Amino acid sequence: MAHSACREDEQAGRLAVVPLEKPGMVRRINMVHHQDFSHPEILEELRRLYIGRR
């Protein structure tokens, strides 16, 4: 879980946060768009840019 997602509960004392050994973990992401989005070339370019940064 991202630290930002539980920071409020940590500060309130409802959760304890334990950092993992490997901070460089790979996170899988997905692009979401409306089915009627009329510029698939933009989505493809974003995908190529993201893949190139890994």
N, C-alpha and C. Protein backbone atom coordinates (compact mmCIF):
# COMPACT_ATOMS: atom_id res chain seq x y z
N MET A 1 0.85 -1.17 0.00
CA MET A 1 0.00 0.00 0.00
C MET A 1 0.90 1.23 0.00
N ALA A 2 0.54 2.21 -0.77
CA ALA A 2 1.30 3.45 -0.80
C ALA A 2 1.20 4.16 0.55
N HIS A 3 2.31 4.73 0.97
CA HIS A 3 2.32 5.43 2.26
C HIS A 3 1.32 6.56 2.28
N SER A 4 1.15 7.24 1.15
CA SER A 4 0.20 8.35 1.08
C SER A 4 -1.24 7.89 1.31
N ALA A 5 -1.54 6.63 1.00
CA ALA A 5 -2.89 6.11 1.16
C ALA A 5 -3.24 5.83 2.63
N CYS A 6 -2.24 5.69 3.48
CA CYS A 6 -2.52 5.34 4.88
C CYS A 6 -1.93 6.34 5.87
N ARG A 7 -1.40 7.45 5.39
CA ARG A 7 -0.73 8.42 6.26
C ARG A 7 -1.66 8.95 7.35
N GLU A 8 -2.89 9.28 6.99
CA GLU A 8 -3.84 9.82 7.97
C GLU A 8 -4.11 8.81 9.09
N ASP A 9 -4.31 7.54 8.72
CA ASP A 9 -4.55 6.50 9.73
C ASP A 9 -3.30 6.25 10.57
N GLU A 10 -2.14 6.38 9.98
CA GLU A 10 -0.90 6.22 10.74
C GLU A 10 -0.78 7.34 11.78
N GLN A 11 -1.03 8.57 11.37
CA GLN A 11 -0.93 9.70 12.29
C GLN A 11 -1.96 9.63 13.40
N ALA A 12 -3.12 9.03 13.12
CA ALA A 12 -4.16 8.89 14.14
C ALA A 12 -3.90 7.69 15.05
N GLY A 13 -2.89 6.89 14.75
CA GLY A 13 -2.56 5.73 15.57
C GLY A 13 -3.38 4.49 15.27
N ARG A 14 -4.13 4.49 14.17
CA ARG A 14 -4.95 3.33 13.81
C ARG A 14 -4.16 2.29 13.03
N LEU A 15 -3.05 2.70 12.40
CA LEU A 15 -2.22 1.78 11.64
C LEU A 15 -0.76 1.97 12.00
N ALA A 16 -0.01 0.91 11.87
CA ALA A 16 1.44 0.99 12.01
C ALA A 16 2.03 0.75 10.64
N VAL A 17 2.98 1.57 10.23
CA VAL A 17 3.59 1.46 8.91
C VAL A 17 4.96 0.82 9.06
N VAL A 18 5.18 -0.26 8.30
CA VAL A 18 6.46 -0.96 8.33
C VAL A 18 7.04 -0.89 6.93
N PRO A 19 8.15 -0.17 6.74
CA PRO A 19 8.74 -0.08 5.40
C PRO A 19 9.30 -1.43 4.95
N LEU A 20 9.22 -1.68 3.66
CA LEU A 20 9.75 -2.92 3.09
C LEU A 20 11.23 -2.76 2.81
N GLU A 21 11.92 -3.89 2.69
CA GLU A 21 13.36 -3.89 2.43
C GLU A 21 13.71 -3.29 1.08
N LYS A 22 12.90 -3.56 0.08
CA LYS A 22 13.23 -3.12 -1.29
C LYS A 22 12.35 -1.92 -1.66
N PRO A 23 12.84 -0.71 -1.48
CA PRO A 23 12.01 0.45 -1.81
C PRO A 23 11.81 0.64 -3.31
N GLY A 24 12.59 -0.02 -4.15
CA GLY A 24 12.46 0.13 -5.60
C GLY A 24 11.51 -0.87 -6.22
N MET A 25 10.47 -1.25 -5.52
CA MET A 25 9.53 -2.23 -6.05
C MET A 25 8.87 -1.70 -7.32
N VAL A 26 8.59 -2.58 -8.25
CA VAL A 26 7.92 -2.23 -9.49
C VAL A 26 6.42 -2.26 -9.26
N ARG A 27 5.75 -1.23 -9.71
CA ARG A 27 4.30 -1.14 -9.54
C ARG A 27 3.64 -1.22 -10.91
N ARG A 28 2.67 -2.09 -11.04
CA ARG A 28 1.95 -2.22 -12.29
C ARG A 28 0.87 -1.14 -12.35
N ILE A 29 0.77 -0.45 -13.47
CA ILE A 29 -0.25 0.57 -13.64
C ILE A 29 -1.06 0.27 -14.89
N ASN A 30 -2.24 0.85 -14.95
CA ASN A 30 -3.11 0.68 -16.11
C ASN A 30 -3.60 2.05 -16.55
N MET A 31 -3.80 2.21 -17.84
CA MET A 31 -4.44 3.41 -18.37
C MET A 31 -5.92 3.11 -18.48
N VAL A 32 -6.73 4.09 -18.14
CA VAL A 32 -8.18 3.95 -18.22
C VAL A 32 -8.70 5.10 -19.08
N HIS A 33 -9.59 4.77 -20.00
CA HIS A 33 -10.16 5.79 -20.88
C HIS A 33 -11.56 5.40 -21.27
N HIS A 34 -12.34 6.38 -21.72
CA HIS A 34 -13.69 6.10 -22.21
C HIS A 34 -13.60 5.31 -23.51
N GLN A 35 -14.57 4.44 -23.71
CA GLN A 35 -14.58 3.61 -24.92
C GLN A 35 -14.65 4.44 -26.19
N ASP A 36 -15.26 5.61 -26.09
CA ASP A 36 -15.41 6.43 -27.29
C ASP A 36 -14.28 7.45 -27.47
N PHE A 37 -13.17 7.27 -26.75
CA PHE A 37 -12.02 8.17 -26.90
C PHE A 37 -11.54 8.08 -28.34
N SER A 38 -11.46 9.22 -29.02
CA SER A 38 -11.22 9.18 -30.47
C SER A 38 -9.76 9.41 -30.87
N HIS A 39 -8.82 9.31 -29.92
CA HIS A 39 -7.41 9.52 -30.26
C HIS A 39 -6.54 8.39 -29.71
N PRO A 40 -6.70 7.18 -30.22
CA PRO A 40 -5.91 6.06 -29.71
C PRO A 40 -4.41 6.25 -29.90
N GLU A 41 -4.00 7.08 -30.86
CA GLU A 41 -2.58 7.31 -31.08
C GLU A 41 -1.94 8.02 -29.88
N ILE A 42 -2.71 8.84 -29.19
CA ILE A 42 -2.20 9.51 -27.99
C ILE A 42 -1.97 8.48 -26.88
N LEU A 43 -2.90 7.56 -26.72
CA LEU A 43 -2.76 6.52 -25.71
C LEU A 43 -1.55 5.63 -26.01
N GLU A 44 -1.38 5.31 -27.28
CA GLU A 44 -0.24 4.47 -27.68
C GLU A 44 1.08 5.18 -27.41
N GLU A 45 1.13 6.47 -27.69
CA GLU A 45 2.36 7.24 -27.43
C GLU A 45 2.65 7.29 -25.92
N LEU A 46 1.65 7.49 -25.10
CA LEU A 46 1.84 7.46 -23.65
C LEU A 46 2.37 6.11 -23.19
N ARG A 47 1.80 5.04 -23.76
CA ARG A 47 2.24 3.70 -23.40
C ARG A 47 3.71 3.49 -23.79
N ARG A 48 4.09 3.92 -24.98
CA ARG A 48 5.48 3.79 -25.42
C ARG A 48 6.43 4.59 -24.53
N LEU A 49 6.02 5.81 -24.16
CA LEU A 49 6.86 6.62 -23.29
C LEU A 49 7.04 5.97 -21.93
N TYR A 50 5.97 5.41 -21.38
CA TYR A 50 6.05 4.78 -20.07
C TYR A 50 6.95 3.54 -20.13
N ILE A 51 6.77 2.72 -21.14
CA ILE A 51 7.57 1.50 -21.26
C ILE A 51 9.05 1.84 -21.42
N GLY A 52 9.32 2.93 -22.13
CA GLY A 52 10.70 3.36 -22.35
C GLY A 52 11.40 3.84 -21.08
N ARG A 53 10.65 4.22 -20.06
CA ARG A 53 11.25 4.72 -18.82
C ARG A 53 11.60 3.62 -17.86
N ARG A 54 11.14 2.39 -18.09
CA ARG A 54 11.40 1.30 -17.16
C ARG A 54 12.79 0.84 -17.21
